[in-house]
Amino acid sequence: MTLLAEAPHRIGAVTLTVNDLDRVAAFYETVIGLTRLDAERGAIRLGTTRGVLIELRHDPEARRRSAREAGLFHTAFLLPTRADLGAWLRFAAASRVPIQGASDHRVSEAIYLADPEGNGIEIYADRPDAEWSLPNGMIAMATDPLDYQALLEAGAGHDWAGFPAGGTIGHVHLQVGAIAPAETFYSDLLGFDLTARYPGGSFFGSGGYHHQLAANIWNSRGAGPRAEPVTGLHDVEILTDRVALDRVRSRLASPPPGESALALRDPWGLSITLVAR
């Protein structure tokens, strides 16, 4: 994870609004293997010994998000090794965890599922960055069939014992209403590199990583700003260095106050908080 660890921007914690706090928290503990770090009235934070990855905020009155509106496509949990991914796959099969899909993206291997309230999840492991193809300065990604058997063999003898301390949230994939304003916000304003394009989707990376953020219109073309309160994505925290944070602040006509954090909203009202690390 060297590229990701040294990137100017990387994902910190993802905050979700949920109707059933206990049920969703139990899922992230038992299926994803996160540790409950702390809880207070109406909120539970889960992660590893290195910090919070998911914060769940309870709002029983929030309406359930439509799959057609802007919001979260998936939160992508990055495992340190391919053996870890193989071990998780064996655990998921034995536990009969419902899997929605799996793909070989050339830069990574990924398995897809959803939490009890429909928030998308990706569990993945990167291939070595030396193997990534860079035609025309862009990172070549694809959606090819995953070799389940080879992945299980990679995890042989490696028992799943919960989400590893070295794991993190590698990227967050968003649903938006249009691609052009998403590129303006996430690339031009926040300073991410545009690393790849699919029909209806753009990918944004920092520090040479294939992507820490992505945005697509596959289900949400034409979506407008979200009406809150609503379940699903509440905030994406981006950990950044001070130089990168100051550059973003300098691009704003009226930057909000604060030295070490910058709270913004994208064109669909999705909350993005940059925090100097």
C-alpha atoms as a PDB file:
ATOM      1  CA  MET A   1       0.000   0.000   0.000  1.00  0.00           C
ATOM      2  CA  THR A   2       2.988   2.316  -0.406  1.00  0.00           C
ATOM      3  CA  LEU A   3       1.386   4.504  -3.064  1.00  0.00           C
ATOM      4  CA  LEU A   4      -1.770   4.899  -1.012  1.00  0.00           C
ATOM      5  CA  ALA A   5       0.011   5.551   2.283  1.00  0.00           C
ATOM      6  CA  GLU A   6       2.116   8.331   0.769  1.00  0.00           C
ATOM      7  CA  ALA A   7      -0.636   9.988  -1.319  1.00  0.00           C
ATOM      8  CA  PRO A   8      -1.425  13.658  -0.584  1.00  0.00           C
ATOM      9  CA  HIS A   9      -5.120  12.705  -0.349  1.00  0.00           C
ATOM     10  CA  ARG A  10      -6.446   9.445   1.067  1.00  0.00           C
ATOM     11  CA  ILE A  11      -9.727   8.311   2.595  1.00  0.00           C
ATOM     12  CA  GLY A  12     -10.101   8.529   6.360  1.00  0.00           C
ATOM     13  CA  ALA A  13     -13.506   7.549   7.761  1.00  0.00           C
ATOM     14  CA  VAL A  14     -16.874   7.175   6.041  1.00  0.00           C
ATOM     15  CA  THR A  15     -19.945   8.235   8.019  1.00  0.00           C
ATOM     16  CA  LEU A  16     -23.325   6.642   7.285  1.00  0.00           C
ATOM     17  CA  THR A  17     -26.816   7.521   8.477  1.00  0.00           C
ATOM     18  CA  VAL A  18     -28.791   4.390   9.369  1.00  0.00           C
ATOM     19  CA  ASN A  19     -32.279   3.529  10.588  1.00  0.00           C
ATOM     20  CA  ASP A  20     -31.290   0.419  12.582  1.00  0.00           C
ATOM     21  CA  LEU A  21     -28.031   1.194  14.357  1.00  0.00           C
ATOM     22  CA  ASP A  22     -27.543  -2.110  16.163  1.00  0.00           C
ATOM     23  CA  ARG A  23     -28.254  -4.282  13.122  1.00  0.00           C
ATOM     24  CA  VAL A  24     -25.938  -2.355  10.805  1.00  0.00           C
ATOM     25  CA  ALA A  25     -23.162  -2.153  13.411  1.00  0.00           C
ATOM     26  CA  ALA A  26     -23.360  -5.913  13.968  1.00  0.00           C
ATOM     27  CA  PHE A  27     -22.952  -6.468  10.225  1.00  0.00           C
ATOM     28  CA  TYR A  28     -19.748  -4.411  10.020  1.00  0.00           C
ATOM     29  CA  GLU A  29     -18.396  -6.277  13.038  1.00  0.00           C
ATOM     30  CA  THR A  30     -19.270  -9.828  11.976  1.00  0.00           C
ATOM     31  CA  VAL A  31     -19.065  -9.687   8.159  1.00  0.00           C
ATOM     32  CA  ILE A  32     -16.395  -7.033   7.533  1.00  0.00           C
ATOM     33  CA  GLY A  33     -14.567  -7.852  10.755  1.00  0.00           C
ATOM     34  CA  LEU A  34     -14.253  -4.319  12.106  1.00  0.00           C
ATOM     35  CA  THR A  35     -13.796  -3.658  15.820  1.00  0.00           C
ATOM     36  CA  ARG A  36     -16.249  -1.487  17.737  1.00  0.00           C
ATOM     37  CA  LEU A  37     -14.007   1.306  18.993  1.00  0.00           C
ATOM     38  CA  ASP A  38     -16.474   3.493  20.846  1.00  0.00           C
ATOM     39  CA  ALA A  39     -20.125   4.402  21.056  1.00  0.00           C
ATOM     40  CA  GLU A  40     -22.216   7.256  22.334  1.00  0.00           C
ATOM     41  CA  ARG A  41     -25.894   8.062  22.202  1.00  0.00           C
ATOM     42  CA  GLY A  42     -26.947   7.600  18.580  1.00  0.00           C
ATOM     43  CA  ALA A  43     -23.520   6.769  17.108  1.00  0.00           C
ATOM     44  CA  ILE A  44     -21.105   3.838  16.859  1.00  0.00           C
ATOM     45  CA  ARG A  45     -17.563   4.018  15.461  1.00  0.00           C
ATOM     46  CA  LEU A  46     -15.837   0.952  14.067  1.00  0.00           C
ATOM     47  CA  GLY A  47     -12.389   0.337  12.653  1.00  0.00           C
ATOM     48  CA  THR A  48      -9.033  -1.159  13.591  1.00  0.00           C
ATOM     49  CA  THR A  49      -6.375  -0.446  16.186  1.00  0.00           C
ATOM     50  CA  ARG A  50      -5.109   2.255  13.809  1.00  0.00           C
ATOM     51  CA  GLY A  51      -8.323   4.273  13.805  1.00  0.00           C
ATOM     52  CA  VAL A  52     -11.959   4.708  12.822  1.00  0.00           C
ATOM     53  CA  LEU A  53     -13.048   3.537   9.365  1.00  0.00           C
ATOM     54  CA  ILE A  54     -16.841   3.636   9.651  1.00  0.00           C
ATOM     55  CA  GLU A  55     -19.036   5.854  11.804  1.00  0.00           C
ATOM     56  CA  LEU A  56     -22.734   4.978  11.990  1.00  0.00           C
ATOM     57  CA  ARG A  57     -25.223   7.667  13.002  1.00  0.00           C
ATOM     58  CA  HIS A  58     -28.691   6.629  14.085  1.00  0.00           C
ATOM     59  CA  ASP A  59     -31.719   8.406  12.631  1.00  0.00           C
ATOM     60  CA  PRO A  60     -34.825   6.205  12.757  1.00  0.00           C
ATOM     61  CA  GLU A  61     -36.852   8.921  11.015  1.00  0.00           C
ATOM     62  CA  ALA A  62     -34.561   9.331   8.004  1.00  0.00           C
ATOM     63  CA  ARG A  63     -36.148   8.187   4.772  1.00  0.00           C
ATOM     64  CA  ARG A  64     -34.494   5.256   3.004  1.00  0.00           C
ATOM     65  CA  ARG A  65     -32.320   6.450   0.126  1.00  0.00           C
ATOM     66  CA  SER A  66     -33.440   5.615  -3.376  1.00  0.00           C
ATOM     67  CA  ALA A  67     -30.976   3.747  -5.602  1.00  0.00           C
ATOM     68  CA  ARG A  68     -31.635   6.415  -8.241  1.00  0.00           C
ATOM     69  CA  GLU A  69     -30.406   9.415  -6.264  1.00  0.00           C
ATOM     70  CA  ALA A  70     -26.977  10.812  -5.545  1.00  0.00           C
ATOM     71  CA  GLY A  71     -25.085   9.201  -2.714  1.00  0.00           C
ATOM     72  CA  LEU A  72     -22.943   6.173  -2.018  1.00  0.00           C
ATOM     73  CA  PHE A  73     -22.249   3.538  -4.668  1.00  0.00           C
ATOM     74  CA  HIS A  74     -19.878   1.640  -2.393  1.00  0.00           C
ATOM     75  CA  THR A  75     -17.295   1.947   0.352  1.00  0.00           C
ATOM     76  CA  ALA A  76     -14.218  -0.055  -0.663  1.00  0.00           C
ATOM     77  CA  PHE A  77     -12.282  -1.827   2.095  1.00  0.00           C
ATOM     78  CA  LEU A  78      -8.699  -2.486   1.025  1.00  0.00           C
ATOM     79  CA  LEU A  79      -6.993  -5.567   2.459  1.00  0.00           C
ATOM     80  CA  PRO A  80      -3.188  -5.647   2.761  1.00  0.00           C
ATOM     81  CA  THR A  81      -2.644  -8.817   0.710  1.00  0.00           C
ATOM     82  CA  ARG A  82      -4.284 -11.119  -1.802  1.00  0.00           C
ATOM     83  CA  ALA A  83      -4.066 -13.876   0.816  1.00  0.00           C
ATOM     84  CA  ASP A  84      -6.248 -11.739   3.101  1.00  0.00           C
ATOM     85  CA  LEU A  85      -8.839 -11.427   0.341  1.00  0.00           C
ATOM     86  CA  GLY A  86      -8.779 -15.161  -0.273  1.00  0.00           C
ATOM     87  CA  ALA A  87      -9.229 -15.804   3.443  1.00  0.00           C
ATOM     88  CA  TRP A  88     -12.174 -13.396   3.595  1.00  0.00           C
ATOM     89  CA  LEU A  89     -13.756 -15.082   0.553  1.00  0.00           C
ATOM     90  CA  ARG A  90     -13.507 -18.490   2.227  1.00  0.00           C
ATOM     91  CA  PHE A  91     -15.034 -17.022   5.408  1.00  0.00           C
ATOM     92  CA  ALA A  92     -17.849 -15.403   3.414  1.00  0.00           C
ATOM     93  CA  ALA A  93     -18.629 -18.658   1.629  1.00  0.00           C
ATOM     94  CA  ALA A  94     -18.676 -20.639   4.880  1.00  0.00           C
ATOM     95  CA  SER A  95     -20.853 -17.991   6.534  1.00  0.00           C
ATOM     96  CA  ARG A  96     -23.177 -17.776   3.524  1.00  0.00           C
ATOM     97  CA  VAL A  97     -22.665 -14.036   3.198  1.00  0.00           C
ATOM     98  CA  PRO A  98     -24.749 -12.834   0.214  1.00  0.00           C
ATOM     99  CA  ILE A  99     -22.348 -11.720  -2.523  1.00  0.00           C
ATOM    100  CA  GLN A 100     -23.621  -9.386  -5.245  1.00  0.00           C
ATOM    101  CA  GLY A 101     -20.701  -9.672  -7.646  1.00  0.00           C
ATOM    102  CA  ALA A 102     -16.963  -9.986  -8.141  1.00  0.00           C
ATOM    103  CA  SER A 103     -14.511  -8.602 -10.684  1.00  0.00           C
ATOM    104  CA  ASP A 104     -10.912  -8.563 -11.761  1.00  0.00           C
ATOM    105  CA  HIS A 105     -10.166  -4.890 -12.384  1.00  0.00           C
ATOM    106  CA  ARG A 106      -6.549  -5.534 -13.521  1.00  0.00           C
ATOM    107  CA  VAL A 107      -5.266  -3.152 -10.843  1.00  0.00           C
ATOM    108  CA  SER A 108      -7.156  -5.082  -8.166  1.00  0.00           C
ATOM    109  CA  GLU A 109      -9.440  -8.009  -7.406  1.00  0.00           C
ATOM    110  CA  ALA A 110     -12.775  -7.147  -5.818  1.00  0.00           C
ATOM    111  CA  ILE A 111     -15.844  -8.719  -4.239  1.00  0.00           C
ATOM    112  CA  TYR A 112     -19.117  -6.810  -3.847  1.00  0.00           C
ATOM    113  CA  LEU A 113     -21.911  -6.969  -1.282  1.00  0.00           C
ATOM    114  CA  ALA A 114     -24.191  -4.622   0.675  1.00  0.00           C
ATOM    115  CA  ASP A 115     -24.964  -3.936   4.314  1.00  0.00           C
ATOM    116  CA  PRO A 116     -28.474  -4.513   5.728  1.00  0.00           C
ATOM    117  CA  GLU A 117     -29.670  -1.060   4.592  1.00  0.00           C
ATOM    118  CA  GLY A 118     -28.350  -1.387   1.058  1.00  0.00           C
ATOM    119  CA  ASN A 119     -25.114   0.566   1.387  1.00  0.00           C
ATOM    120  CA  GLY A 120     -22.722  -0.866  -1.180  1.00  0.00           C
ATOM    121  CA  ILE A 121     -19.460  -2.452  -0.072  1.00  0.00           C
ATOM    122  CA  GLU A 122     -16.375  -3.602  -1.937  1.00  0.00           C
ATOM    123  CA  ILE A 123     -13.754  -5.853  -0.359  1.00  0.00           C
ATOM    124  CA  TYR A 124     -10.585  -5.796  -2.444  1.00  0.00           C
ATOM    125  CA  ALA A 125      -6.851  -6.289  -2.701  1.00  0.00           C
ATOM    126  CA  ASP A 126      -4.535  -4.428  -5.046  1.00  0.00           C
ATOM    127  CA  ARG A 127      -2.188  -5.977  -7.519  1.00  0.00           C
ATOM    128  CA  PRO A 128       1.385  -4.615  -7.326  1.00  0.00           C
ATOM    129  CA  ASP A 129       1.417  -1.133  -8.851  1.00  0.00           C
ATOM    130  CA  ALA A 130       4.292  -2.199 -11.125  1.00  0.00           C
ATOM    131  CA  GLU A 131       1.731  -4.369 -12.943  1.00  0.00           C
ATOM    132  CA  TRP A 132      -0.691  -1.505 -13.608  1.00  0.00           C
ATOM    133  CA  SER A 133      -0.954  -0.493 -17.255  1.00  0.00           C
ATOM    134  CA  LEU A 134      -0.695   3.225 -18.005  1.00  0.00           C
ATOM    135  CA  PRO A 135      -1.752   3.845 -21.622  1.00  0.00           C
ATOM    136  CA  ASN A 136      -1.866   7.539 -22.555  1.00  0.00           C
ATOM    137  CA  GLY A 137      -1.146   8.545 -18.972  1.00  0.00           C
ATOM    138  CA  MET A 138      -4.355   6.967 -17.667  1.00  0.00           C
ATOM    139  CA  ILE A 139      -4.616   3.817 -15.550  1.00  0.00           C
ATOM    140  CA  ALA A 140      -6.142   0.905 -17.442  1.00  0.00           C
ATOM    141  CA  MET A 141      -8.923  -0.760 -15.478  1.00  0.00           C
ATOM    142  CA  ALA A 142     -11.477  -3.309 -16.596  1.00  0.00           C
ATOM    143  CA  THR A 143     -14.349  -5.400 -15.263  1.00  0.00           C
ATOM    144  CA  ASP A 144     -13.246  -8.942 -16.017  1.00  0.00           C
ATOM    145  CA  PRO A 145     -14.423 -12.179 -14.380  1.00  0.00           C
ATOM    146  CA  LEU A 146     -12.765 -12.949 -11.061  1.00  0.00           C
ATOM    147  CA  ASP A 147     -10.885 -16.248 -10.712  1.00  0.00           C
ATOM    148  CA  TYR A 148     -12.476 -17.422  -7.463  1.00  0.00           C
ATOM    149  CA  GLN A 149     -10.467 -20.638  -7.294  1.00  0.00           C
ATOM    150  CA  ALA A 150      -7.122 -18.893  -7.669  1.00  0.00           C
ATOM    151  CA  LEU A 151      -8.128 -16.401  -4.997  1.00  0.00           C
ATOM    152  CA  LEU A 152      -9.154 -19.167  -2.588  1.00  0.00           C
ATOM    153  CA  GLU A 153      -5.830 -20.893  -3.228  1.00  0.00           C
ATOM    154  CA  ALA A 154      -3.992 -17.647  -2.446  1.00  0.00           C
ATOM    155  CA  GLY A 155      -5.704 -17.618   0.939  1.00  0.00           C
ATOM    156  CA  ALA A 156      -5.004 -21.274   1.763  1.00  0.00           C
ATOM    157  CA  GLY A 157      -3.601 -21.596   5.270  1.00  0.00           C
ATOM    158  CA  HIS A 158      -4.487 -17.986   6.031  1.00  0.00           C
ATOM    159  CA  ASP A 159      -7.481 -17.939   8.392  1.00  0.00           C
ATOM    160  CA  TRP A 160      -9.741 -14.898   8.519  1.00  0.00           C
ATOM    161  CA  ALA A 161      -9.470 -13.348  11.989  1.00  0.00           C
ATOM    162  CA  GLY A 162     -11.191 -10.043  11.408  1.00  0.00           C
ATOM    163  CA  PHE A 163     -10.254  -6.980   9.389  1.00  0.00           C
ATOM    164  CA  PRO A 164      -6.455  -6.606   9.554  1.00  0.00           C
ATOM    165  CA  ALA A 165      -4.868  -3.658  11.325  1.00  0.00           C
ATOM    166  CA  GLY A 166      -3.111  -2.807   8.067  1.00  0.00           C
ATOM    167  CA  GLY A 167      -6.374  -2.613   6.154  1.00  0.00           C
ATOM    168  CA  THR A 168      -8.042   0.655   5.321  1.00  0.00           C
ATOM    169  CA  ILE A 169     -10.724   2.257   3.184  1.00  0.00           C
ATOM    170  CA  GLY A 170      -8.955   2.388  -0.150  1.00  0.00           C
ATOM    171  CA  HIS A 171     -11.593   4.329  -2.027  1.00  0.00           C
ATOM    172  CA  VAL A 172     -15.168   5.563  -2.010  1.00  0.00           C
ATOM    173  CA  HIS A 173     -17.338   5.298  -5.114  1.00  0.00           C
ATOM    174  CA  LEU A 174     -20.183   7.810  -5.436  1.00  0.00           C
ATOM    175  CA  GLN A 175     -23.381   8.106  -7.428  1.00  0.00           C
ATOM    176  CA  VAL A 176     -23.806  11.584  -8.939  1.00  0.00           C
ATOM    177  CA  GLY A 177     -26.153  13.299 -11.362  1.00  0.00           C
ATOM    178  CA  ALA A 178     -23.637  14.210 -14.087  1.00  0.00           C
ATOM    179  CA  ILE A 179     -19.976  13.530 -14.794  1.00  0.00           C
ATOM    180  CA  ALA A 180     -18.737  16.974 -15.902  1.00  0.00           C
ATOM    181  CA  PRO A 181     -19.547  18.794 -12.632  1.00  0.00           C
ATOM    182  CA  ALA A 182     -18.164  15.835 -10.683  1.00  0.00           C
ATOM    183  CA  GLU A 183     -14.832  16.178 -12.509  1.00  0.00           C
ATOM    184  CA  THR A 184     -14.842  19.933 -11.857  1.00  0.00           C
ATOM    185  CA  PHE A 185     -15.391  19.418  -8.135  1.00  0.00           C
ATOM    186  CA  TYR A 186     -13.213  16.392  -7.418  1.00  0.00           C
ATOM    187  CA  SER A 187     -10.381  17.104  -9.856  1.00  0.00           C
ATOM    188  CA  ASP A 188     -10.275  20.857 -10.456  1.00  0.00           C
ATOM    189  CA  LEU A 189     -11.257  21.927  -6.927  1.00  0.00           C
ATOM    190  CA  LEU A 190     -10.045  19.129  -4.650  1.00  0.00           C
ATOM    191  CA  GLY A 191      -6.941  18.443  -6.722  1.00  0.00           C
ATOM    192  CA  PHE A 192      -7.346  14.746  -7.494  1.00  0.00           C
ATOM    193  CA  ASP A 193      -5.863  13.463 -10.744  1.00  0.00           C
ATOM    194  CA  LEU A 194      -8.320  12.110 -13.291  1.00  0.00           C
ATOM    195  CA  THR A 195      -6.917   8.584 -13.554  1.00  0.00           C
ATOM    196  CA  ALA A 196      -9.479   6.699 -15.654  1.00  0.00           C
ATOM    197  CA  ARG A 197     -12.779   7.046 -17.463  1.00  0.00           C
ATOM    198  CA  TYR A 198     -15.471   4.470 -18.152  1.00  0.00           C
ATOM    199  CA  PRO A 199     -18.695   5.240 -20.019  1.00  0.00           C
ATOM    200  CA  GLY A 200     -20.696   7.056 -17.362  1.00  0.00           C
ATOM    201  CA  GLY A 201     -17.960   7.039 -14.745  1.00  0.00           C
ATOM    202  CA  SER A 202     -14.767   8.864 -13.786  1.00  0.00           C
ATOM    203  CA  PHE A 203     -12.029   7.850 -11.359  1.00  0.00           C
ATOM    204  CA  PHE A 204      -9.913  10.206  -9.266  1.00  0.00           C
ATOM    205  CA  GLY A 205      -6.536   9.335  -7.738  1.00  0.00           C
ATOM    206  CA  SER A 206      -3.846  10.985  -5.666  1.00  0.00           C
ATOM    207  CA  GLY A 207      -0.147  10.176  -5.429  1.00  0.00           C
ATOM    208  CA  GLY A 208      -0.222   7.718  -8.325  1.00  0.00           C
ATOM    209  CA  TYR A 209      -2.930   5.491  -6.804  1.00  0.00           C
ATOM    210  CA  HIS A 210      -5.569   4.171  -9.231  1.00  0.00           C
ATOM    211  CA  HIS A 211      -8.385   5.926  -7.350  1.00  0.00           C
ATOM    212  CA  GLN A 212      -9.376   7.130  -3.923  1.00  0.00           C
ATOM    213  CA  LEU A 213     -12.693   8.445  -5.286  1.00  0.00           C
ATOM    214  CA  ALA A 214     -14.937   7.590  -8.204  1.00  0.00           C
ATOM    215  CA  ALA A 215     -18.222   8.983  -9.488  1.00  0.00           C
ATOM    216  CA  ASN A 216     -20.767   7.406 -11.810  1.00  0.00           C
ATOM    217  CA  ILE A 217     -24.223   8.053 -13.273  1.00  0.00           C
ATOM    218  CA  TRP A 218     -25.106   4.411 -13.958  1.00  0.00           C
ATOM    219  CA  ASN A 219     -28.179   4.531 -11.697  1.00  0.00           C
ATOM    220  CA  SER A 220     -28.419   8.250 -10.951  1.00  0.00           C
ATOM    221  CA  ARG A 221     -28.190  10.139 -14.246  1.00  0.00           C
ATOM    222  CA  GLY A 222     -29.829  13.554 -13.845  1.00  0.00           C
ATOM    223  CA  ALA A 223     -30.112  13.325 -10.060  1.00  0.00           C
ATOM    224  CA  GLY A 224     -30.336  16.631  -8.245  1.00  0.00           C
ATOM    225  CA  PRO A 225     -29.262  17.587  -4.722  1.00  0.00           C
ATOM    226  CA  ARG A 226     -30.442  15.146  -2.064  1.00  0.00           C
ATOM    227  CA  ALA A 227     -33.326  15.940   0.253  1.00  0.00           C
ATOM    228  CA  GLU A 228     -32.278  15.219   3.826  1.00  0.00           C
ATOM    229  CA  PRO A 229     -32.595  13.548   6.281  1.00  0.00           C
ATOM    230  CA  VAL A 230     -31.858  10.397   4.313  1.00  0.00           C
ATOM    231  CA  THR A 231     -30.091   7.119   5.009  1.00  0.00           C
ATOM    232  CA  GLY A 232     -26.777   6.302   3.406  1.00  0.00           C
ATOM    233  CA  LEU A 233     -23.753   8.501   3.000  1.00  0.00           C
ATOM    234  CA  HIS A 234     -23.419  11.303   5.538  1.00  0.00           C
ATOM    235  CA  ASP A 235     -19.779  12.287   5.022  1.00  0.00           C
ATOM    236  CA  VAL A 236     -16.498  11.212   3.433  1.00  0.00           C
ATOM    237  CA  GLU A 237     -13.389  12.236   5.351  1.00  0.00           C
ATOM    238  CA  ILE A 238     -10.319  12.842   3.227  1.00  0.00           C
ATOM    239  CA  LEU A 239      -7.003  12.905   5.067  1.00  0.00           C
ATOM    240  CA  THR A 240      -4.669  15.309   3.348  1.00  0.00           C
ATOM    241  CA  ASP A 241      -1.385  17.050   3.871  1.00  0.00           C
ATOM    242  CA  ARG A 242      -1.347  20.728   4.794  1.00  0.00           C
ATOM    243  CA  VAL A 243      -0.003  21.860   1.423  1.00  0.00           C
ATOM    244  CA  ALA A 244      -2.815  20.108  -0.463  1.00  0.00           C
ATOM    245  CA  LEU A 245      -5.403  21.466   1.979  1.00  0.00           C
ATOM    246  CA  ASP A 246      -4.145  25.025   1.539  1.00  0.00           C
ATOM    247  CA  ARG A 247      -4.299  24.634  -2.235  1.00  0.00           C
ATOM    248  CA  VAL A 248      -7.948  23.623  -2.056  1.00  0.00           C
ATOM    249  CA  ARG A 249      -8.705  26.537   0.261  1.00  0.00           C
ATOM    250  CA  SER A 250      -6.994  28.950  -2.157  1.00  0.00           C
ATOM    251  CA  ARG A 251      -9.366  27.870  -4.955  1.00  0.00           C
ATOM    252  CA  LEU A 252     -12.468  28.835  -2.980  1.00  0.00           C
ATOM    253  CA  ALA A 253     -13.964  32.287  -3.421  1.00  0.00           C
ATOM    254  CA  SER A 254     -15.097  32.345   0.226  1.00  0.00           C
ATOM    255  CA  PRO A 255     -13.331  29.604   2.174  1.00  0.00           C
ATOM    256  CA  PRO A 256     -14.992  28.614   5.458  1.00  0.00           C
ATOM    257  CA  PRO A 257     -13.039  29.309   8.648  1.00  0.00           C
ATOM    258  CA  GLY A 258     -10.696  26.724  10.122  1.00  0.00           C
ATOM    259  CA  GLU A 259      -7.071  25.818   9.736  1.00  0.00           C
ATOM    260  CA  SER A 260      -6.904  22.026   9.950  1.00  0.00           C
ATOM    261  CA  ALA A 261     -10.236  21.003   8.389  1.00  0.00           C
ATOM    262  CA  LEU A 262     -12.336  22.085   5.433  1.00  0.00           C
ATOM    263  CA  ALA A 263     -15.997  21.024   5.151  1.00  0.00           C
ATOM    264  CA  LEU A 264     -17.404  21.139   1.618  1.00  0.00           C
ATOM    265  CA  ARG A 265     -20.401  19.856  -0.328  1.00  0.00           C
ATOM    266  CA  ASP A 266     -20.280  18.612  -3.885  1.00  0.00           C
ATOM    267  CA  PRO A 267     -22.896  19.678  -6.478  1.00  0.00           C
ATOM    268  CA  TRP A 268     -25.367  17.083  -5.093  1.00  0.00           C
ATOM    269  CA  GLY A 269     -24.969  18.087  -1.481  1.00  0.00           C
ATOM    270  CA  LEU A 270     -22.676  15.177  -0.568  1.00  0.00           C
ATOM    271  CA  SER A 271     -20.505  16.128   2.394  1.00  0.00           C
ATOM    272  CA  ILE A 272     -16.740  15.959   1.908  1.00  0.00           C
ATOM    273  CA  THR A 273     -14.475  16.922   4.810  1.00  0.00           C
ATOM    274  CA  LEU A 274     -10.759  17.469   4.229  1.00  0.00           C
ATOM    275  CA  VAL A 275      -8.680  17.038   7.378  1.00  0.00           C
ATOM    276  CA  ALA A 276      -4.961  17.846   7.654  1.00  0.00           C
ATOM    277  CA  ARG A 277      -3.088  14.862   8.977  1.00  0.00           C
END
